[in-house]
Amino acid sequence: CPGLERAVARHFIVFDRLRRRVMQEMDALFQRVDVLLAPAMTGPMTVIGNMTGHPCLTVRAGFTELRTRQMPAFLHAEIKEADGPAHTVPHAITIVAPLFQEAAALTLGRALEAAWAVADRRPNWLSSP
């Protein structure tokens, strides 16, 4: 289908222009900051890392106890607690660094995990028999 190929090509060009613009905005941001800290696994930050190639590192930021939850029947359903034990669950943050500055993300990530005393901690279900 020649028409389909042209439509796909147009979408690719639009996407590539958007990617370039986001890369320029990220470059401008990194002129003012060394790294960017964001909640882990959030849509916009994941897209930026995947789209622009900026190095991203997700590290543990602490742990919390959560009760067992029911699997929702459909994607946007409310998640409800279920009968069952509580589990230790990690919380995390994402460190985004400038292009080709993986060392900045790794150095900060290691320092934060050490400062928060979570570097050696694992969820308790990993140590259960």
N, C-alpha and C. Protein backbone atom coordinates (compact mmCIF):
# COMPACT_ATOMS: atom_id res chain seq x y z
N CYS A 1 0.83 -1.19 0.00
CA CYS A 1 0.00 0.00 0.00
C CYS A 1 0.88 1.25 0.00
N PRO A 2 1.00 1.94 -1.10
CA PRO A 2 1.83 3.15 -1.15
C PRO A 2 1.33 4.24 -0.21
N GLY A 3 0.03 4.39 -0.06
CA GLY A 3 -0.51 5.41 0.84
C GLY A 3 -0.13 5.15 2.28
N LEU A 4 -0.13 3.89 2.67
CA LEU A 4 0.23 3.51 4.03
C LEU A 4 1.71 3.82 4.29
N GLU A 5 2.55 3.55 3.34
CA GLU A 5 3.98 3.83 3.51
C GLU A 5 4.22 5.32 3.71
N ARG A 6 3.51 6.16 2.95
CA ARG A 6 3.65 7.61 3.11
C ARG A 6 3.17 8.05 4.49
N ALA A 7 2.06 7.47 4.95
CA ALA A 7 1.53 7.83 6.27
C ALA A 7 2.51 7.44 7.36
N VAL A 8 3.08 6.25 7.26
CA VAL A 8 4.06 5.81 8.25
C VAL A 8 5.29 6.71 8.21
N ALA A 9 5.74 7.07 7.04
CA ALA A 9 6.90 7.95 6.90
C ALA A 9 6.62 9.31 7.53
N ARG A 10 5.42 9.84 7.31
CA ARG A 10 5.07 11.14 7.91
C ARG A 10 5.09 11.04 9.44
N HIS A 11 4.52 9.97 9.98
CA HIS A 11 4.51 9.80 11.44
C HIS A 11 5.93 9.67 11.98
N PHE A 12 6.78 8.96 11.26
CA PHE A 12 8.16 8.82 11.69
C PHE A 12 8.86 10.18 11.72
N ILE A 13 8.64 10.99 10.72
CA ILE A 13 9.25 12.32 10.67
C ILE A 13 8.75 13.19 11.82
N VAL A 14 7.46 13.16 12.08
CA VAL A 14 6.89 13.94 13.20
C VAL A 14 7.49 13.47 14.52
N PHE A 15 7.57 12.15 14.70
CA PHE A 15 8.14 11.61 15.93
C PHE A 15 9.61 12.03 16.07
N ASP A 16 10.37 11.94 14.99
CA ASP A 16 11.78 12.28 15.05
C ASP A 16 11.97 13.76 15.39
N ARG A 17 11.10 14.63 14.88
CA ARG A 17 11.17 16.05 15.24
C ARG A 17 10.86 16.26 16.71
N LEU A 18 9.85 15.54 17.22
CA LEU A 18 9.52 15.63 18.64
C LEU A 18 10.67 15.13 19.50
N ARG A 19 11.26 14.01 19.10
CA ARG A 19 12.40 13.46 19.85
C ARG A 19 13.55 14.46 19.90
N ARG A 20 13.83 15.09 18.78
CA ARG A 20 14.90 16.09 18.73
C ARG A 20 14.59 17.27 19.64
N ARG A 21 13.35 17.72 19.65
CA ARG A 21 12.95 18.85 20.51
C ARG A 21 13.09 18.48 21.99
N VAL A 22 12.67 17.27 22.35
CA VAL A 22 12.81 16.82 23.74
C VAL A 22 14.29 16.72 24.11
N MET A 23 15.12 16.24 23.20
CA MET A 23 16.56 16.17 23.46
C MET A 23 17.13 17.56 23.72
N GLN A 24 16.69 18.55 22.95
CA GLN A 24 17.17 19.93 23.14
C GLN A 24 16.71 20.47 24.50
N GLU A 25 15.47 20.19 24.88
CA GLU A 25 14.97 20.64 26.18
C GLU A 25 15.74 19.98 27.32
N MET A 26 16.02 18.69 27.18
CA MET A 26 16.79 17.99 28.21
C MET A 26 18.21 18.56 28.29
N ASP A 27 18.81 18.88 27.15
CA ASP A 27 20.14 19.48 27.14
C ASP A 27 20.12 20.83 27.87
N ALA A 28 19.08 21.61 27.63
CA ALA A 28 18.95 22.91 28.32
C ALA A 28 18.79 22.70 29.83
N LEU A 29 18.02 21.70 30.21
CA LEU A 29 17.83 21.40 31.63
C LEU A 29 19.16 21.01 32.28
N PHE A 30 19.94 20.17 31.60
CA PHE A 30 21.21 19.71 32.17
C PHE A 30 22.29 20.78 32.14
N GLN A 31 22.01 21.94 31.56
CA GLN A 31 22.92 23.08 31.70
C GLN A 31 22.76 23.70 33.09
N ARG A 32 21.61 23.44 33.73
CA ARG A 32 21.30 24.02 35.04
C ARG A 32 21.42 23.03 36.20
N VAL A 33 21.29 21.72 35.94
CA VAL A 33 21.33 20.72 37.00
C VAL A 33 22.29 19.60 36.59
N ASP A 34 22.82 18.90 37.59
CA ASP A 34 23.74 17.79 37.32
C ASP A 34 23.00 16.52 36.94
N VAL A 35 21.94 16.22 37.69
CA VAL A 35 21.11 15.04 37.42
C VAL A 35 19.67 15.41 37.74
N LEU A 36 18.76 14.57 37.33
CA LEU A 36 17.34 14.77 37.59
C LEU A 36 16.85 13.58 38.39
N LEU A 37 16.17 13.82 39.52
CA LEU A 37 15.58 12.76 40.33
C LEU A 37 14.08 12.73 40.07
N ALA A 38 13.54 11.53 39.89
CA ALA A 38 12.12 11.40 39.59
C ALA A 38 11.59 10.14 40.26
N PRO A 39 10.28 10.07 40.49
CA PRO A 39 9.71 8.81 40.99
C PRO A 39 10.01 7.70 39.99
N ALA A 40 10.20 6.51 40.51
CA ALA A 40 10.53 5.38 39.63
C ALA A 40 9.34 4.97 38.78
N MET A 41 9.66 4.56 37.56
CA MET A 41 8.67 3.97 36.66
C MET A 41 7.49 4.88 36.35
N THR A 42 7.73 6.17 36.27
CA THR A 42 6.66 7.07 35.87
C THR A 42 6.71 7.24 34.36
N GLY A 43 5.58 7.29 33.76
CA GLY A 43 5.49 7.36 32.31
C GLY A 43 6.37 8.40 31.65
N PRO A 44 6.26 9.69 32.02
CA PRO A 44 7.04 10.70 31.30
C PRO A 44 8.54 10.48 31.40
N MET A 45 9.06 10.11 32.55
CA MET A 45 10.50 9.93 32.68
C MET A 45 10.98 8.70 31.92
N THR A 46 10.19 7.65 31.93
CA THR A 46 10.55 6.45 31.17
C THR A 46 10.58 6.77 29.68
N VAL A 47 9.60 7.53 29.21
CA VAL A 47 9.55 7.90 27.80
C VAL A 47 10.75 8.77 27.44
N ILE A 48 11.09 9.73 28.30
CA ILE A 48 12.23 10.60 28.00
C ILE A 48 13.51 9.78 27.90
N GLY A 49 13.73 8.88 28.85
CA GLY A 49 14.93 8.06 28.81
C GLY A 49 14.97 7.19 27.56
N ASN A 50 13.86 6.57 27.23
CA ASN A 50 13.81 5.71 26.06
C ASN A 50 13.91 6.51 24.76
N MET A 51 13.32 7.68 24.75
CA MET A 51 13.23 8.47 23.53
C MET A 51 14.52 9.22 23.21
N THR A 52 15.23 9.66 24.23
CA THR A 52 16.38 10.53 24.00
C THR A 52 17.72 9.86 24.26
N GLY A 53 17.71 8.71 24.91
CA GLY A 53 18.95 8.01 25.19
C GLY A 53 19.67 8.48 26.44
N HIS A 54 19.03 9.34 27.24
CA HIS A 54 19.66 9.77 28.48
C HIS A 54 19.75 8.58 29.43
N PRO A 55 20.88 8.41 30.10
CA PRO A 55 21.01 7.29 31.02
C PRO A 55 20.08 7.47 32.22
N CYS A 56 19.38 6.40 32.56
CA CYS A 56 18.47 6.38 33.70
C CYS A 56 18.84 5.21 34.60
N LEU A 57 18.83 5.44 35.89
CA LEU A 57 19.14 4.40 36.86
C LEU A 57 18.06 4.44 37.93
N THR A 58 17.45 3.31 38.21
CA THR A 58 16.45 3.21 39.27
C THR A 58 17.10 2.53 40.47
N VAL A 59 17.01 3.19 41.63
CA VAL A 59 17.61 2.66 42.86
C VAL A 59 16.57 2.62 43.97
N ARG A 60 16.83 1.74 44.94
CA ARG A 60 15.94 1.66 46.11
C ARG A 60 16.08 2.92 46.95
N ALA A 61 14.94 3.40 47.43
CA ALA A 61 14.95 4.59 48.28
C ALA A 61 14.40 4.27 49.67
N GLY A 62 13.97 3.06 49.89
CA GLY A 62 13.42 2.64 51.17
C GLY A 62 12.47 1.47 50.98
N PHE A 63 11.86 1.05 52.07
CA PHE A 63 10.94 -0.07 52.05
C PHE A 63 9.70 0.28 52.85
N THR A 64 8.60 -0.38 52.55
CA THR A 64 7.37 -0.22 53.31
C THR A 64 6.69 -1.57 53.39
N GLU A 65 5.79 -1.71 54.34
CA GLU A 65 4.99 -2.93 54.48
C GLU A 65 3.64 -2.71 53.82
N LEU A 66 3.28 -3.56 52.89
CA LEU A 66 1.98 -3.47 52.22
C LEU A 66 1.23 -4.77 52.39
N ARG A 67 -0.07 -4.65 52.59
CA ARG A 67 -0.92 -5.84 52.68
C ARG A 67 -1.07 -6.47 51.30
N THR A 68 -1.41 -7.74 51.31
CA THR A 68 -1.70 -8.44 50.07
C THR A 68 -2.86 -7.75 49.38
N ARG A 69 -2.80 -7.66 48.05
CA ARG A 69 -3.85 -6.99 47.28
C ARG A 69 -4.47 -7.95 46.28
N GLN A 70 -5.73 -7.67 45.95
CA GLN A 70 -6.41 -8.47 44.94
C GLN A 70 -6.00 -7.99 43.56
N MET A 71 -5.93 -8.92 42.63
CA MET A 71 -5.68 -8.55 41.24
C MET A 71 -6.97 -7.95 40.70
N PRO A 72 -6.93 -6.75 40.13
CA PRO A 72 -8.15 -6.15 39.59
C PRO A 72 -8.66 -6.95 38.38
N ALA A 73 -9.96 -6.92 38.20
CA ALA A 73 -10.59 -7.66 37.11
C ALA A 73 -10.25 -7.04 35.75
N PHE A 74 -10.02 -5.73 35.72
CA PHE A 74 -9.66 -5.07 34.48
C PHE A 74 -8.65 -3.97 34.79
N LEU A 75 -8.01 -3.47 33.78
CA LEU A 75 -6.84 -2.61 33.93
C LEU A 75 -7.05 -1.41 34.85
N HIS A 76 -8.15 -0.70 34.73
CA HIS A 76 -8.33 0.53 35.50
C HIS A 76 -9.19 0.35 36.74
N ALA A 77 -9.35 -0.89 37.18
CA ALA A 77 -10.15 -1.16 38.37
C ALA A 77 -9.39 -0.75 39.62
N GLU A 78 -10.14 -0.49 40.67
CA GLU A 78 -9.54 -0.14 41.95
C GLU A 78 -8.83 -1.37 42.53
N ILE A 79 -7.63 -1.18 43.05
CA ILE A 79 -6.91 -2.28 43.69
C ILE A 79 -7.32 -2.32 45.15
N LYS A 80 -7.77 -3.48 45.62
CA LYS A 80 -8.27 -3.62 47.00
C LYS A 80 -7.37 -4.57 47.77
N GLU A 81 -7.28 -4.31 49.08
CA GLU A 81 -6.53 -5.22 49.94
C GLU A 81 -7.27 -6.54 50.03
N ALA A 82 -6.51 -7.61 50.22
CA ALA A 82 -7.08 -8.95 50.37
C ALA A 82 -6.61 -9.53 51.69
N ASP A 83 -7.26 -10.60 52.12
CA ASP A 83 -6.78 -11.31 53.30
C ASP A 83 -5.43 -11.92 52.97
N GLY A 84 -4.51 -11.77 53.87
CA GLY A 84 -3.19 -12.33 53.64
C GLY A 84 -2.14 -11.52 54.36
N PRO A 85 -0.92 -11.97 54.28
CA PRO A 85 0.16 -11.31 55.02
C PRO A 85 0.58 -10.00 54.38
N ALA A 86 1.27 -9.21 55.20
CA ALA A 86 1.90 -7.99 54.68
C ALA A 86 3.25 -8.38 54.10
N HIS A 87 3.71 -7.63 53.12
CA HIS A 87 4.98 -7.90 52.48
C HIS A 87 5.84 -6.64 52.49
N THR A 88 7.13 -6.82 52.64
CA THR A 88 8.07 -5.71 52.53
C THR A 88 8.27 -5.42 51.05
N VAL A 89 7.99 -4.17 50.69
CA VAL A 89 8.03 -3.78 49.28
C VAL A 89 8.99 -2.59 49.13
N PRO A 90 9.89 -2.64 48.16
CA PRO A 90 10.81 -1.52 47.98
C PRO A 90 10.14 -0.32 47.30
N HIS A 91 10.57 0.86 47.68
CA HIS A 91 10.23 2.09 46.97
C HIS A 91 11.49 2.49 46.21
N ALA A 92 11.33 3.17 45.11
CA ALA A 92 12.50 3.50 44.30
C ALA A 92 12.38 4.90 43.71
N ILE A 93 13.52 5.41 43.29
CA ILE A 93 13.58 6.66 42.54
C ILE A 93 14.39 6.40 41.27
N THR A 94 14.23 7.26 40.30
CA THR A 94 14.99 7.17 39.07
C THR A 94 15.91 8.38 38.96
N ILE A 95 17.15 8.11 38.63
CA ILE A 95 18.15 9.16 38.41
C ILE A 95 18.37 9.25 36.90
N VAL A 96 18.17 10.44 36.35
CA VAL A 96 18.40 10.68 34.92
C VAL A 96 19.63 11.58 34.82
N ALA A 97 20.58 11.18 34.00
CA ALA A 97 21.83 11.93 33.86
C ALA A 97 21.95 12.48 32.44
N PRO A 98 22.86 13.44 32.25
CA PRO A 98 23.09 13.96 30.90
C PRO A 98 23.59 12.85 29.97
N LEU A 99 23.48 13.08 28.69
CA LEU A 99 23.96 12.11 27.71
C LEU A 99 25.42 11.75 27.98
N PHE A 100 25.70 10.46 27.91
CA PHE A 100 27.05 9.91 28.06
C PHE A 100 27.64 10.13 29.46
N GLN A 101 26.79 10.41 30.44
CA GLN A 101 27.24 10.63 31.82
C GLN A 101 26.71 9.53 32.74
N GLU A 102 26.81 8.28 32.31
CA GLU A 102 26.35 7.16 33.11
C GLU A 102 27.01 7.15 34.49
N ALA A 103 28.28 7.54 34.53
CA ALA A 103 29.01 7.54 35.80
C ALA A 103 28.35 8.44 36.84
N ALA A 104 27.78 9.55 36.42
CA ALA A 104 27.10 10.45 37.36
C ALA A 104 25.91 9.76 38.00
N ALA A 105 25.10 9.05 37.22
CA ALA A 105 23.95 8.33 37.75
C ALA A 105 24.39 7.20 38.67
N LEU A 106 25.40 6.44 38.25
CA LEU A 106 25.87 5.32 39.06
C LEU A 106 26.48 5.77 40.38
N THR A 107 27.27 6.84 40.34
CA THR A 107 27.91 7.35 41.55
C THR A 107 26.87 7.85 42.54
N LEU A 108 25.91 8.63 42.05
CA LEU A 108 24.87 9.15 42.93
C LEU A 108 24.00 8.01 43.45
N GLY A 109 23.63 7.08 42.60
CA GLY A 109 22.80 5.96 43.03
C GLY A 109 23.45 5.16 44.13
N ARG A 110 24.73 4.87 43.98
CA ARG A 110 25.44 4.12 45.02
C ARG A 110 25.50 4.91 46.33
N ALA A 111 25.76 6.20 46.23
CA ALA A 111 25.83 7.04 47.43
C ALA A 111 24.48 7.13 48.14
N LEU A 112 23.40 7.27 47.38
CA LEU A 112 22.06 7.35 47.98
C LEU A 112 21.68 6.04 48.66
N GLU A 113 21.91 4.91 47.99
CA GLU A 113 21.58 3.62 48.62
C GLU A 113 22.38 3.42 49.90
N ALA A 114 23.64 3.85 49.93
CA ALA A 114 24.45 3.72 51.13
C ALA A 114 23.94 4.66 52.23
N ALA A 115 23.64 5.90 51.87
CA ALA A 115 23.15 6.87 52.86
C ALA A 115 21.82 6.46 53.45
N TRP A 116 20.97 5.86 52.64
CA TRP A 116 19.65 5.43 53.12
C TRP A 116 19.67 4.02 53.71
N ALA A 117 20.84 3.42 53.79
CA ALA A 117 21.03 2.08 54.36
C ALA A 117 20.11 1.03 53.72
N VAL A 118 19.99 1.11 52.41
CA VAL A 118 19.16 0.13 51.70
C VAL A 118 19.98 -0.70 50.71
N ALA A 119 21.28 -0.43 50.62
CA ALA A 119 22.11 -1.11 49.63
C ALA A 119 22.11 -2.62 49.79
N ASP A 120 22.08 -3.10 51.02
CA ASP A 120 22.14 -4.54 51.26
C ASP A 120 20.79 -5.16 51.62
N ARG A 121 19.76 -4.37 51.71
CA ARG A 121 18.44 -4.90 52.09
C ARG A 121 17.73 -5.49 50.89
N ARG A 122 17.01 -6.56 51.13
CA ARG A 122 16.20 -7.22 50.12
C ARG A 122 14.82 -7.45 50.71
N PRO A 123 13.77 -7.49 49.88
CA PRO A 123 12.44 -7.83 50.41
C PRO A 123 12.49 -9.18 51.12
N ASN A 124 11.71 -9.31 52.21
CA ASN A 124 11.79 -10.52 53.02
C ASN A 124 11.34 -11.78 52.28
N TRP A 125 10.56 -11.65 51.23
CA TRP A 125 10.11 -12.85 50.52
C TRP A 125 11.25 -13.51 49.76
N LEU A 126 12.35 -12.78 49.53
CA LEU A 126 13.51 -13.39 48.86
C LEU A 126 14.25 -14.35 49.78
N SER A 127 14.15 -14.13 51.09
CA SER A 127 14.86 -15.00 52.03
C SER A 127 13.97 -16.09 52.60
N SER A 128 12.69 -16.13 52.19
CA SER A 128 11.78 -17.18 52.68
C SER A 128 12.11 -18.49 52.01
N PRO A 129 11.95 -19.61 52.77
CA PRO A 129 12.22 -20.92 52.17
C PRO A 129 11.21 -21.29 51.10
